PDB file of all heavy atoms in Angstrom:
ATOM      1  N   ARG A   1       3.055   5.151   5.910  1.00  0.00           N
ATOM      2  CA  ARG A   1       3.163   6.452   5.259  1.00  0.00           C
ATOM      3  C   ARG A   1       2.089   6.794   4.296  1.00  0.00           C
ATOM      4  O   ARG A   1       1.678   7.917   4.067  1.00  0.00           O
ATOM      5  CB  ARG A   1       4.584   6.539   4.544  1.00  0.00           C
ATOM      6  CG  ARG A   1       5.812   6.356   5.513  1.00  0.00           C
ATOM      7  CD  ARG A   1       7.115   6.729   4.791  1.00  0.00           C
ATOM      8  NE  ARG A   1       7.387   5.829   3.752  1.00  0.00           N
ATOM      9  CZ  ARG A   1       7.523   6.210   2.470  1.00  0.00           C
ATOM     10  NH1 ARG A   1       7.475   7.516   2.158  1.00  0.00           N
ATOM     11  NH2 ARG A   1       7.791   5.333   1.481  1.00  0.00           N
ATOM     12  N   PHE A   2       1.679   5.787   3.532  1.00  0.00           N
ATOM     13  CA  PHE A   2       0.739   5.953   2.512  1.00  0.00           C
ATOM     14  C   PHE A   2      -0.584   5.274   2.890  1.00  0.00           C
ATOM     15  O   PHE A   2      -0.685   4.295   3.595  1.00  0.00           O
ATOM     16  CB  PHE A   2       1.121   5.374   1.112  1.00  0.00           C
ATOM     17  CG  PHE A   2       2.338   5.923   0.463  1.00  0.00           C
ATOM     18  CD1 PHE A   2       3.021   6.921   1.039  1.00  0.00           C
ATOM     19  CD2 PHE A   2       2.642   5.513  -0.804  1.00  0.00           C
ATOM     20  CE1 PHE A   2       4.162   7.541   0.438  1.00  0.00           C
ATOM     21  CE2 PHE A   2       3.768   6.089  -1.448  1.00  0.00           C
ATOM     22  CZ  PHE A   2       4.502   7.103  -0.825  1.00  0.00           C
ATOM     23  N   THR A   3      -1.746   5.972   2.459  1.00  0.00           N
ATOM     24  CA  THR A   3      -2.970   5.420   2.715  1.00  0.00           C
ATOM     25  C   THR A   3      -3.855   5.472   1.511  1.00  0.00           C
ATOM     26  O   THR A   3      -3.980   6.580   0.773  1.00  0.00           O
ATOM     27  CB  THR A   3      -3.706   6.270   3.784  1.00  0.00           C
ATOM     28  OG1 THR A   3      -3.001   6.268   5.042  1.00  0.00           O
ATOM     29  CG2 THR A   3      -5.062   5.630   4.105  1.00  0.00           C
ATOM     30  N   ILE A   4      -4.362   4.366   1.007  1.00  0.00           N
ATOM     31  CA  ILE A   4      -5.225   4.220  -0.133  1.00  0.00           C
ATOM     32  C   ILE A   4      -6.726   4.277   0.357  1.00  0.00           C
ATOM     33  O   ILE A   4      -7.100   3.728   1.419  1.00  0.00           O
ATOM     34  CB  ILE A   4      -4.929   3.045  -0.974  1.00  0.00           C
ATOM     35  CG1 ILE A   4      -5.669   2.978  -2.282  1.00  0.00           C
ATOM     36  CG2 ILE A   4      -5.301   1.754  -0.171  1.00  0.00           C
ATOM     37  CD1 ILE A   4      -5.185   1.924  -3.214  1.00  0.00           C
ATOM     38  N   SER A   5      -7.448   4.978  -0.409  1.00  0.00           N
ATOM     39  CA  SER A   5      -8.942   5.042  -0.121  1.00  0.00           C
ATOM     40  C   SER A   5      -9.712   5.280  -1.527  1.00  0.00           C
ATOM     41  O   SER A   5      -9.038   5.598  -2.485  1.00  0.00           O
ATOM     42  CB  SER A   5      -9.269   6.216   0.835  1.00  0.00           C
ATOM     43  OG  SER A   5      -8.902   7.458   0.364  1.00  0.00           O
ATOM     44  N   LYS A   6     -10.916   5.071  -1.394  1.00  0.00           N
ATOM     45  CA  LYS A   6     -11.807   5.260  -2.652  1.00  0.00           C
ATOM     46  C   LYS A   6     -13.172   5.848  -2.240  1.00  0.00           C
ATOM     47  O   LYS A   6     -13.650   5.599  -1.186  1.00  0.00           O
ATOM     48  CB  LYS A   6     -11.902   3.973  -3.392  1.00  0.00           C
ATOM     49  CG  LYS A   6     -12.541   2.825  -2.576  1.00  0.00           C
ATOM     50  CD  LYS A   6     -12.751   1.610  -3.536  1.00  0.00           C
ATOM     51  CE  LYS A   6     -13.384   0.463  -2.703  1.00  0.00           C
ATOM     52  NZ  LYS A   6     -13.579  -0.791  -3.564  1.00  0.00           N
ATOM     53  N   ASP A   7     -13.677   6.489  -3.156  1.00  0.00           N
ATOM     54  CA  ASP A   7     -15.021   7.064  -3.065  1.00  0.00           C
ATOM     55  C   ASP A   7     -15.856   6.315  -4.221  1.00  0.00           C
ATOM     56  O   ASP A   7     -15.701   6.605  -5.375  1.00  0.00           O
ATOM     57  CB  ASP A   7     -15.044   8.454  -3.288  1.00  0.00           C
ATOM     58  CG  ASP A   7     -16.428   9.189  -3.101  1.00  0.00           C
ATOM     59  OD1 ASP A   7     -17.434   8.441  -3.259  1.00  0.00           O
ATOM     60  OD2 ASP A   7     -16.556  10.400  -2.738  1.00  0.00           O
ATOM     61  N   ASN A   8     -16.625   5.342  -3.709  1.00  0.00           N
ATOM     62  CA  ASN A   8     -17.244   4.549  -4.715  1.00  0.00           C
ATOM     63  C   ASN A   8     -18.368   5.313  -5.474  1.00  0.00           C
ATOM     64  O   ASN A   8     -18.551   5.070  -6.720  1.00  0.00           O
ATOM     65  CB  ASN A   8     -17.992   3.306  -3.988  1.00  0.00           C
ATOM     66  CG  ASN A   8     -17.014   2.290  -3.548  1.00  0.00           C
ATOM     67  OD1 ASN A   8     -15.949   2.046  -4.073  1.00  0.00           O
ATOM     68  ND2 ASN A   8     -17.306   1.579  -2.404  1.00  0.00           N
ATOM     69  N   ALA A   9     -18.985   6.248  -4.793  1.00  0.00           N
ATOM     70  CA  ALA A   9     -19.980   7.070  -5.510  1.00  0.00           C
ATOM     71  C   ALA A   9     -19.409   7.919  -6.670  1.00  0.00           C
ATOM     72  O   ALA A   9     -20.060   8.115  -7.719  1.00  0.00           O
ATOM     73  CB  ALA A   9     -20.702   8.011  -4.558  1.00  0.00           C
ATOM     74  N   LYS A  10     -18.145   8.276  -6.511  1.00  0.00           N
ATOM     75  CA  LYS A  10     -17.430   9.067  -7.525  1.00  0.00           C
ATOM     76  C   LYS A  10     -16.560   8.320  -8.361  1.00  0.00           C
ATOM     77  O   LYS A  10     -15.925   8.810  -9.313  1.00  0.00           O
ATOM     78  CB  LYS A  10     -16.718  10.191  -6.849  1.00  0.00           C
ATOM     79  CG  LYS A  10     -17.520  11.264  -6.074  1.00  0.00           C
ATOM     80  CD  LYS A  10     -16.647  12.365  -5.482  1.00  0.00           C
ATOM     81  CE  LYS A  10     -17.539  13.265  -4.740  1.00  0.00           C
ATOM     82  NZ  LYS A  10     -16.698  14.384  -4.032  1.00  0.00           N
ATOM     83  N   ASN A  11     -16.449   6.960  -8.168  1.00  0.00           N
ATOM     84  CA  ASN A  11     -15.460   6.180  -8.775  1.00  0.00           C
ATOM     85  C   ASN A  11     -14.035   6.713  -8.902  1.00  0.00           C
ATOM     86  O   ASN A  11     -13.393   6.896  -9.874  1.00  0.00           O
ATOM     87  CB  ASN A  11     -15.911   5.915 -10.310  1.00  0.00           C
ATOM     88  CG  ASN A  11     -17.022   4.852 -10.292  1.00  0.00           C
ATOM     89  OD1 ASN A  11     -17.995   5.026 -11.037  1.00  0.00           O
ATOM     90  ND2 ASN A  11     -16.937   3.783  -9.493  1.00  0.00           N
ATOM     91  N   THR A  12     -13.685   7.251  -7.717  1.00  0.00           N
ATOM     92  CA  THR A  12     -12.411   7.903  -7.574  1.00  0.00           C
ATOM     93  C   THR A  12     -11.507   7.248  -6.505  1.00  0.00           C
ATOM     94  O   THR A  12     -12.033   6.992  -5.368  1.00  0.00           O
ATOM     95  CB  THR A  12     -12.628   9.411  -7.177  1.00  0.00           C
ATOM     96  OG1 THR A  12     -13.402  10.047  -8.228  1.00  0.00           O
ATOM     97  CG2 THR A  12     -11.287  10.136  -7.098  1.00  0.00           C
ATOM     98  N   LEU A  13     -10.325   7.039  -6.875  1.00  0.00           N
ATOM     99  CA  LEU A  13      -9.346   6.489  -5.926  1.00  0.00           C
ATOM    100  C   LEU A  13      -8.324   7.520  -5.533  1.00  0.00           C
ATOM    101  O   LEU A  13      -7.991   8.364  -6.216  1.00  0.00           O
ATOM    102  CB  LEU A  13      -8.686   5.354  -6.710  1.00  0.00           C
ATOM    103  CG  LEU A  13      -7.551   4.496  -5.923  1.00  0.00           C
ATOM    104  CD1 LEU A  13      -8.244   3.600  -4.978  1.00  0.00           C
ATOM    105  CD2 LEU A  13      -6.653   3.704  -6.923  1.00  0.00           C
ATOM    106  N   TYR A  14      -7.877   7.317  -4.309  1.00  0.00           N
ATOM    107  CA  TYR A  14      -7.015   8.323  -3.710  1.00  0.00           C
ATOM    108  C   TYR A  14      -5.776   7.602  -3.140  1.00  0.00           C
ATOM    109  O   TYR A  14      -5.851   6.516  -2.699  1.00  0.00           O
ATOM    110  CB  TYR A  14      -7.605   9.132  -2.587  1.00  0.00           C
ATOM    111  CG  TYR A  14      -8.908   9.947  -3.031  1.00  0.00           C
ATOM    112  CD1 TYR A  14     -10.204   9.341  -2.883  1.00  0.00           C
ATOM    113  CD2 TYR A  14      -8.783  11.120  -3.660  1.00  0.00           C
ATOM    114  CE1 TYR A  14     -11.271  10.079  -3.196  1.00  0.00           C
ATOM    115  CE2 TYR A  14      -9.946  11.896  -4.084  1.00  0.00           C
ATOM    116  CZ  TYR A  14     -11.132  11.299  -3.778  1.00  0.00           C
ATOM    117  OH  TYR A  14     -12.245  11.980  -4.263  1.00  0.00           O
ATOM    118  N   LEU A  15      -4.712   8.325  -3.067  1.00  0.00           N
ATOM    119  CA  LEU A  15      -3.466   7.810  -2.328  1.00  0.00           C
ATOM    120  C   LEU A  15      -2.921   9.022  -1.618  1.00  0.00           C
ATOM    121  O   LEU A  15      -2.365   9.941  -2.226  1.00  0.00           O
ATOM    122  CB  LEU A  15      -2.517   7.245  -3.375  1.00  0.00           C
ATOM    123  CG  LEU A  15      -1.222   6.717  -2.703  1.00  0.00           C
ATOM    124  CD1 LEU A  15      -1.628   5.363  -1.849  1.00  0.00           C
ATOM    125  CD2 LEU A  15      -0.232   6.323  -3.640  1.00  0.00           C
ATOM    126  N   GLN A  16      -3.111   8.992  -0.312  1.00  0.00           N
ATOM    127  CA  GLN A  16      -2.509   9.997   0.572  1.00  0.00           C
ATOM    128  C   GLN A  16      -1.113   9.520   0.911  1.00  0.00           C
ATOM    129  O   GLN A  16      -0.831   8.471   1.448  1.00  0.00           O
ATOM    130  CB  GLN A  16      -3.358  10.179   1.809  1.00  0.00           C
ATOM    131  CG  GLN A  16      -2.785  11.148   2.822  1.00  0.00           C
ATOM    132  CD  GLN A  16      -2.798  12.548   2.295  1.00  0.00           C
ATOM    133  OE1 GLN A  16      -3.817  13.045   1.802  1.00  0.00           O
ATOM    134  NE2 GLN A  16      -1.702  13.268   2.302  1.00  0.00           N
ATOM    135  N   MET A  17      -0.143  10.439   0.499  1.00  0.00           N
ATOM    136  CA  MET A  17       1.336  10.072   0.649  1.00  0.00           C
ATOM    137  C   MET A  17       1.903  11.044   1.657  1.00  0.00           C
ATOM    138  O   MET A  17       2.051  12.204   1.392  1.00  0.00           O
ATOM    139  CB  MET A  17       1.996  10.176  -0.743  1.00  0.00           C
ATOM    140  CG  MET A  17       1.276   9.479  -1.798  1.00  0.00           C
ATOM    141  SD  MET A  17       1.788   9.924  -3.504  1.00  0.00           S
ATOM    142  CE  MET A  17       3.481   9.231  -3.442  1.00  0.00           C
ATOM    143  N   ASN A  18       2.319  10.541   2.758  1.00  0.00           N
ATOM    144  CA  ASN A  18       2.952  11.294   3.796  1.00  0.00           C
ATOM    145  C   ASN A  18       4.383  10.869   3.982  1.00  0.00           C
ATOM    146  O   ASN A  18       4.757   9.782   3.676  1.00  0.00           O
ATOM    147  CB  ASN A  18       2.170  11.167   5.161  1.00  0.00           C
ATOM    148  CG  ASN A  18       0.720  11.659   5.092  1.00  0.00           C
ATOM    149  OD1 ASN A  18       0.424  12.645   4.363  1.00  0.00           O
ATOM    150  ND2 ASN A  18      -0.118  10.979   5.833  1.00  0.00           N
ATOM    151  N   ASN A  19       5.136  11.777   4.619  1.00  0.00           N
ATOM    152  CA  ASN A  19       6.516  11.586   4.907  1.00  0.00           C
ATOM    153  C   ASN A  19       7.247  11.015   3.645  1.00  0.00           C
ATOM    154  O   ASN A  19       8.003  10.012   3.713  1.00  0.00           O
ATOM    155  CB  ASN A  19       6.676  10.593   6.025  1.00  0.00           C
ATOM    156  CG  ASN A  19       8.099  10.483   6.609  1.00  0.00           C
ATOM    157  OD1 ASN A  19       8.872  11.446   6.459  1.00  0.00           O
ATOM    158  ND2 ASN A  19       8.460   9.418   7.313  1.00  0.00           N
ATOM    159  N   LEU A  20       7.104  11.779   2.581  1.00  0.00           N
ATOM    160  CA  LEU A  20       7.679  11.288   1.353  1.00  0.00           C
ATOM    161  C   LEU A  20       9.125  11.327   1.392  1.00  0.00           C
ATOM    162  O   LEU A  20       9.769  12.142   2.048  1.00  0.00           O
ATOM    163  CB  LEU A  20       7.133  12.174   0.166  1.00  0.00           C
ATOM    164  CG  LEU A  20       5.739  11.842  -0.255  1.00  0.00           C
ATOM    165  CD1 LEU A  20       5.229  13.050  -1.024  1.00  0.00           C
ATOM    166  CD2 LEU A  20       5.762  10.576  -1.110  1.00  0.00           C
ATOM    167  N   LYS A  21       9.786  10.294   0.671  1.00  0.00           N
ATOM    168  CA  LYS A  21      11.237  10.131   0.611  1.00  0.00           C
ATOM    169  C   LYS A  21      11.660  10.230  -0.822  1.00  0.00           C
ATOM    170  O   LYS A  21      10.883   9.968  -1.769  1.00  0.00           O
ATOM    171  CB  LYS A  21      11.601   8.688   1.155  1.00  0.00           C
ATOM    172  CG  LYS A  21      11.143   8.521   2.573  1.00  0.00           C
ATOM    173  CD  LYS A  21      11.474   7.101   3.113  1.00  0.00           C
ATOM    174  CE  LYS A  21      11.055   6.809   4.491  1.00  0.00           C
ATOM    175  NZ  LYS A  21      11.322   5.520   5.001  1.00  0.00           N
ATOM    176  N   PRO A  22      12.908  10.574  -1.050  1.00  0.00           N
ATOM    177  CA  PRO A  22      13.419  10.615  -2.470  1.00  0.00           C
ATOM    178  C   PRO A  22      13.074   9.280  -3.224  1.00  0.00           C
ATOM    179  O   PRO A  22      12.926   9.384  -4.433  1.00  0.00           O
ATOM    180  CB  PRO A  22      14.931  10.955  -2.294  1.00  0.00           C
ATOM    181  CG  PRO A  22      14.942  11.718  -0.998  1.00  0.00           C
ATOM    182  CD  PRO A  22      13.942  11.087  -0.107  1.00  0.00           C
ATOM    183  N   GLU A  23      13.309   8.240  -2.597  1.00  0.00           N
ATOM    184  CA  GLU A  23      13.036   6.936  -3.224  1.00  0.00           C
ATOM    185  C   GLU A  23      11.478   6.677  -3.663  1.00  0.00           C
ATOM    186  O   GLU A  23      11.320   5.798  -4.369  1.00  0.00           O
ATOM    187  CB  GLU A  23      13.505   5.762  -2.420  1.00  0.00           C
ATOM    188  CG  GLU A  23      12.955   5.795  -0.919  1.00  0.00           C
ATOM    189  CD  GLU A  23      14.011   6.335  -0.011  1.00  0.00           C
ATOM    190  OE1 GLU A  23      14.490   7.398  -0.220  1.00  0.00           O
ATOM    191  OE2 GLU A  23      14.069   5.713   1.047  1.00  0.00           O
ATOM    192  N   ASP A  24      10.705   7.586  -3.317  1.00  0.00           N
ATOM    193  CA  ASP A  24       9.314   7.491  -3.746  1.00  0.00           C
ATOM    194  C   ASP A  24       9.118   8.250  -5.118  1.00  0.00           C
ATOM    195  O   ASP A  24       8.065   8.100  -5.668  1.00  0.00           O
ATOM    196  CB  ASP A  24       8.402   8.244  -2.768  1.00  0.00           C
ATOM    197  CG  ASP A  24       8.264   7.482  -1.369  1.00  0.00           C
ATOM    198  OD1 ASP A  24       8.278   6.243  -1.376  1.00  0.00           O
ATOM    199  OD2 ASP A  24       8.321   8.213  -0.349  1.00  0.00           O
ATOM    200  N   THR A  25      10.206   8.910  -5.608  1.00  0.00           N
ATOM    201  CA  THR A  25      10.125   9.536  -6.878  1.00  0.00           C
ATOM    202  C   THR A  25       9.822   8.501  -7.957  1.00  0.00           C
ATOM    203  O   THR A  25      10.599   7.464  -8.086  1.00  0.00           O
ATOM    204  CB  THR A  25      11.501  10.229  -7.168  1.00  0.00           C
ATOM    205  OG1 THR A  25      11.609  11.329  -6.223  1.00  0.00           O
ATOM    206  CG2 THR A  25      11.379  10.953  -8.496  1.00  0.00           C
ATOM    207  N   ALA A  26       8.797   8.820  -8.653  1.00  0.00           N
ATOM    208  CA  ALA A  26       8.380   7.810  -9.751  1.00  0.00           C
ATOM    209  C   ALA A  26       7.150   8.367 -10.451  1.00  0.00           C
ATOM    210  O   ALA A  26       6.605   9.344 -10.033  1.00  0.00           O
ATOM    211  CB  ALA A  26       8.081   6.441  -9.157  1.00  0.00           C
ATOM    212  N   VAL A  27       6.857   7.697 -11.549  1.00  0.00           N
ATOM    213  CA  VAL A  27       5.539   8.032 -12.139  1.00  0.00           C
ATOM    214  C   VAL A  27       4.536   7.035 -11.509  1.00  0.00           C
ATOM    215  O   VAL A  27       4.703   5.833 -11.397  1.00  0.00           O
ATOM    216  CB  VAL A  27       5.517   7.729 -13.685  1.00  0.00           C
ATOM    217  CG1 VAL A  27       4.124   7.977 -14.231  1.00  0.00           C
ATOM    218  CG2 VAL A  27       6.575   8.770 -14.305  1.00  0.00           C
ATOM    219  N   TYR A  28       3.491   7.616 -10.977  1.00  0.00           N
ATOM    220  CA  TYR A  28       2.429   6.805 -10.353  1.00  0.00           C
ATOM    221  C   TYR A  28       1.278   6.597 -11.195  1.00  0.00           C
ATOM    222  O   TYR A  28       0.760   7.508 -11.892  1.00  0.00           O
ATOM    223  CB  TYR A  28       1.948   7.490  -9.099  1.00  0.00           C
ATOM    224  CG  TYR A  28       3.021   7.346  -7.914  1.00  0.00           C
ATOM    225  CD1 TYR A  28       4.193   8.028  -7.958  1.00  0.00           C
ATOM    226  CD2 TYR A  28       2.789   6.525  -6.818  1.00  0.00           C
ATOM    227  CE1 TYR A  28       5.146   7.895  -6.992  1.00  0.00           C
ATOM    228  CE2 TYR A  28       3.692   6.423  -5.790  1.00  0.00           C
ATOM    229  CZ  TYR A  28       4.837   7.215  -6.004  1.00  0.00           C
ATOM    230  OH  TYR A  28       5.785   7.069  -4.865  1.00  0.00           O
ATOM    231  N   TYR A  29       0.919   5.353 -11.419  1.00  0.00           N
ATOM    232  CA  TYR A  29      -0.192   4.904 -12.197  1.00  0.00           C
ATOM    233  C   TYR A  29      -1.372   4.289 -11.475  1.00  0.00           C
ATOM    234  O   TYR A  29      -1.201   3.499 -10.537  1.00  0.00           O
ATOM    235  CB  TYR A  29       0.327   3.802 -13.246  1.00  0.00           C
ATOM    236  CG  TYR A  29       1.445   4.213 -14.131  1.00  0.00           C
ATOM    237  CD1 TYR A  29       2.784   4.125 -13.789  1.00  0.00           C
ATOM    238  CD2 TYR A  29       1.124   4.883 -15.437  1.00  0.00           C
ATOM    239  CE1 TYR A  29       3.807   4.587 -14.684  1.00  0.00           C
ATOM    240  CE2 TYR A  29       2.183   5.250 -16.239  1.00  0.00           C
ATOM    241  CZ  TYR A  29       3.506   5.065 -15.840  1.00  0.00           C
ATOM    242  OH  TYR A  29       4.467   5.444 -16.717  1.00  0.00           O
ATOM    243  N   CYS A  30      -2.567   4.649 -11.950  1.00  0.00           N
ATOM    244  CA  CYS A  30      -3.731   4.095 -11.356  1.00  0.00           C
ATOM    245  C   CYS A  30      -4.139   2.934 -12.133  1.00  0.00           C
ATOM    246  O   CYS A  30      -4.099   2.880 -13.410  1.00  0.00           O
ATOM    247  CB  CYS A  30      -4.780   5.135 -11.447  1.00  0.00           C
ATOM    248  SG  CYS A  30      -6.426   4.634 -10.778  1.00  0.00           S
ATOM    249  N   ASN A  31      -4.490   1.797 -11.458  1.00  0.00           N
ATOM    250  CA  ASN A  31      -4.970   0.563 -12.084  1.00  0.00           C
ATOM    251  C   ASN A  31      -6.295   0.213 -11.634  1.00  0.00           C
ATOM    252  O   ASN A  31      -6.624   0.357 -10.385  1.00  0.00           O
ATOM    253  CB  ASN A  31      -3.977  -0.458 -11.735  1.00  0.00           C
ATOM    254  CG  ASN A  31      -4.428  -1.972 -12.034  1.00  0.00           C
ATOM    255  OD1 ASN A  31      -4.586  -2.827 -11.192  1.00  0.00           O
ATOM    256  ND2 ASN A  31      -4.683  -2.168 -13.320  1.00  0.00           N
ATOM    257  N   VAL A  32      -7.200  -0.142 -12.528  1.00  0.00           N
ATOM    258  CA  VAL A  32      -8.514  -0.542 -12.265  1.00  0.00           C
ATOM    259  C   VAL A  32      -8.679  -1.930 -12.804  1.00  0.00           C
ATOM    260  O   VAL A  32      -8.456  -2.230 -13.953  1.00  0.00           O
ATOM    261  CB  VAL A  32      -9.516   0.362 -12.956  1.00  0.00           C
ATOM    262  CG1 VAL A  32     -10.940  -0.114 -12.596  1.00  0.00           C
ATOM    263  CG2 VAL A  32      -9.364   1.822 -12.415  1.00  0.00           C
ATOM    264  N   GLN A  33      -9.036  -2.807 -11.926  1.00  0.00           N
ATOM    265  CA  GLN A  33      -9.327  -4.314 -12.295  1.00  0.00           C
ATOM    266  C   GLN A  33     -10.737  -4.561 -12.534  1.00  0.00           C
ATOM    267  O   GLN A  33     -11.545  -4.413 -11.568  1.00  0.00           O
ATOM    268  CB  GLN A  33      -8.691  -5.158 -11.325  1.00  0.00           C
ATOM    269  CG  GLN A  33      -7.165  -5.179 -11.114  1.00  0.00           C
ATOM    270  CD  GLN A  33      -6.620  -6.176 -10.170  1.00  0.00           C
ATOM    271  OE1 GLN A  33      -7.323  -7.248  -9.859  1.00  0.00           O
ATOM    272  NE2 GLN A  33      -5.460  -5.873  -9.614  1.00  0.00           N
ATOM    273  N   SER A  34     -11.081  -4.922 -13.700  1.00  0.00           N
ATOM    274  CA  SER A  34     -12.384  -5.323 -14.034  1.00  0.00           C
ATOM    275  C   SER A  34     -12.435  -6.594 -14.878  1.00  0.00           C
ATOM    276  O   SER A  34     -11.789  -7.576 -14.442  1.00  0.00           O
ATOM    277  CB  SER A  34     -13.178  -4.137 -14.795  1.00  0.00           C
ATOM    278  OG  SER A  34     -14.499  -4.482 -15.095  1.00  0.00           O
ATOM    279  N   TRP A  35     -13.020  -6.572 -16.067  1.00  0.00           N
ATOM    280  CA  TRP A  35     -12.977  -7.807 -16.906  1.00  0.00           C
ATOM    281  C   TRP A  35     -11.559  -7.779 -17.400  1.00  0.00           C
ATOM    282  O   TRP A  35     -11.053  -8.893 -17.805  1.00  0.00           O
ATOM    283  CB  TRP A  35     -13.970  -7.721 -18.042  1.00  0.00           C
ATOM    284  CG  TRP A  35     -13.844  -6.575 -18.994  1.00  0.00           C
ATOM    285  CD1 TRP A  35     -14.327  -5.331 -18.798  1.00  0.00           C
ATOM    286  CD2 TRP A  35     -13.140  -6.601 -20.192  1.00  0.00           C
ATOM    287  NE1 TRP A  35     -14.043  -4.562 -19.848  1.00  0.00           N
ATOM    288  CE2 TRP A  35     -13.290  -5.270 -20.784  1.00  0.00           C
ATOM    289  CE3 TRP A  35     -12.443  -7.567 -20.948  1.00  0.00           C
ATOM    290  CZ2 TRP A  35     -12.759  -4.962 -21.978  1.00  0.00           C
ATOM    291  CZ3 TRP A  35     -11.914  -7.131 -22.145  1.00  0.00           C
ATOM    292  CH2 TRP A  35     -12.085  -5.889 -22.594  1.00  0.00           C
ATOM    293  N   ARG A  36     -10.787  -6.701 -17.410  1.00  0.00           N
ATOM    294  CA  ARG A  36      -9.376  -6.672 -17.737  1.00  0.00           C
ATOM    295  C   ARG A  36      -8.793  -5.495 -16.920  1.00  0.00           C
ATOM    296  O   ARG A  36      -9.538  -4.725 -16.263  1.00  0.00           O
ATOM    297  CB  ARG A  36      -9.058  -6.542 -19.195  1.00  0.00           C
ATOM    298  CG  ARG A  36      -9.430  -5.125 -19.831  1.00  0.00           C
ATOM    299  CD  ARG A  36      -8.874  -5.064 -21.191  1.00  0.00           C
ATOM    300  NE  ARG A  36      -9.019  -3.815 -21.767  1.00  0.00           N
ATOM    301  CZ  ARG A  36      -8.191  -2.718 -21.682  1.00  0.00           C
ATOM    302  NH1 ARG A  36      -7.131  -2.787 -20.919  1.00  0.00           N
ATOM    303  NH2 ARG A  36      -8.506  -1.591 -22.329  1.00  0.00           N
ATOM    304  N   ASP A  37      -7.554  -5.353 -16.868  1.00  0.00           N
ATOM    305  CA  ASP A  37      -6.891  -4.233 -16.203  1.00  0.00           C
ATOM    306  C   ASP A  37      -6.936  -2.982 -17.090  1.00  0.00           C
ATOM    307  O   ASP A  37      -6.644  -2.984 -18.313  1.00  0.00           O
ATOM    308  CB  ASP A  37      -5.478  -4.582 -15.937  1.00  0.00           C
ATOM    309  CG  ASP A  37      -5.309  -5.497 -14.697  1.00  0.00           C
ATOM    310  OD1 ASP A  37      -6.328  -5.819 -14.099  1.00  0.00           O
ATOM    311  OD2 ASP A  37      -4.207  -5.955 -14.334  1.00  0.00           O
ATOM    312  N   PHE A  38      -7.258  -1.799 -16.492  1.00  0.00           N
ATOM    313  CA  PHE A  38      -7.238  -0.531 -17.110  1.00  0.00           C
ATOM    314  C   PHE A  38      -6.194   0.338 -16.441  1.00  0.00           C
ATOM    315  O   PHE A  38      -6.045   0.297 -15.173  1.00  0.00           O
ATOM    316  CB  PHE A  38      -8.561   0.080 -17.108  1.00  0.00           C
ATOM    317  CG  PHE A  38      -9.686  -0.585 -17.917  1.00  0.00           C
ATOM    318  CD1 PHE A  38     -10.417  -1.530 -17.201  1.00  0.00           C
ATOM    319  CD2 PHE A  38      -9.860  -0.375 -19.223  1.00  0.00           C
ATOM    320  CE1 PHE A  38     -11.407  -2.302 -17.932  1.00  0.00           C
ATOM    321  CE2 PHE A  38     -10.710  -1.076 -19.920  1.00  0.00           C
ATOM    322  CZ  PHE A  38     -11.611  -2.017 -19.302  1.00  0.00           C
ATOM    323  N   TRP A  39      -5.501   1.127 -17.124  1.00  0.00           N
ATOM    324  CA  TRP A  39      -4.350   1.961 -16.551  1.00  0.00           C
ATOM    325  C   TRP A  39      -4.488   3.413 -17.069  1.00  0.00           C
ATOM    326  O   TRP A  39      -4.927   3.688 -18.153  1.00  0.00           O
ATOM    327  CB  TRP A  39      -2.991   1.380 -17.125  1.00  0.00           C
ATOM    328  CG  TRP A  39      -2.721   0.082 -16.628  1.00  0.00           C
ATOM    329  CD1 TRP A  39      -2.945  -1.108 -17.132  1.00  0.00           C
ATOM    330  CD2 TRP A  39      -1.960  -0.255 -15.414  1.00  0.00           C
ATOM    331  NE1 TRP A  39      -2.492  -2.188 -16.468  1.00  0.00           N
ATOM    332  CE2 TRP A  39      -1.798  -1.686 -15.328  1.00  0.00           C
ATOM    333  CE3 TRP A  39      -1.357   0.522 -14.434  1.00  0.00           C
ATOM    334  CZ2 TRP A  39      -1.122  -2.304 -14.292  1.00  0.00           C
ATOM    335  CZ3 TRP A  39      -0.729  -0.069 -13.426  1.00  0.00           C
ATOM    336  CH2 TRP A  39      -0.589  -1.518 -13.348  1.00  0.00           C
ATOM    337  N   GLY A  40      -4.162   4.248 -16.158  1.00  0.00           N
ATOM    338  CA  GLY A  40      -4.094   5.651 -16.508  1.00  0.00           C
ATOM    339  C   GLY A  40      -2.657   5.943 -17.070  1.00  0.00           C
ATOM    340  O   GLY A  40      -1.828   5.124 -17.210  1.00  0.00           O
ATOM    341  N   GLN A  41      -2.528   7.225 -17.467  1.00  0.00           N
ATOM    342  CA  GLN A  41      -1.361   7.628 -18.102  1.00  0.00           C
ATOM    343  C   GLN A  41      -0.159   7.991 -17.125  1.00  0.00           C
ATOM    344  O   GLN A  41       0.959   8.053 -17.455  1.00  0.00           O
ATOM    345  CB  GLN A  41      -1.555   8.876 -19.024  1.00  0.00           C
ATOM    346  CG  GLN A  41      -2.381   8.595 -20.220  1.00  0.00           C
ATOM    347  CD  GLN A  41      -1.707   7.594 -21.182  1.00  0.00           C
ATOM    348  OE1 GLN A  41      -2.266   6.490 -21.375  1.00  0.00           O
ATOM    349  NE2 GLN A  41      -0.532   7.965 -21.700  1.00  0.00           N
ATOM    350  N   GLY A  42      -0.551   8.127 -15.848  1.00  0.00           N
ATOM    351  CA  GLY A  42       0.385   8.320 -14.825  1.00  0.00           C
ATOM    352  C   GLY A  42       0.472   9.759 -14.481  1.00  0.00           C
ATOM    353  O   GLY A  42       0.175  10.707 -15.214  1.00  0.00           O
TER     354      GLY A  42
END
């Protein structure tokens, strides 16, 4: 149902979410792993 992809040139991550279900309801956070983990606000 979901597909993750990234554009390295833009340093942008995507999540295509299809056939969404009520149980998918949540705050979604982006995580970047480098020398440590970085998180977005959701």
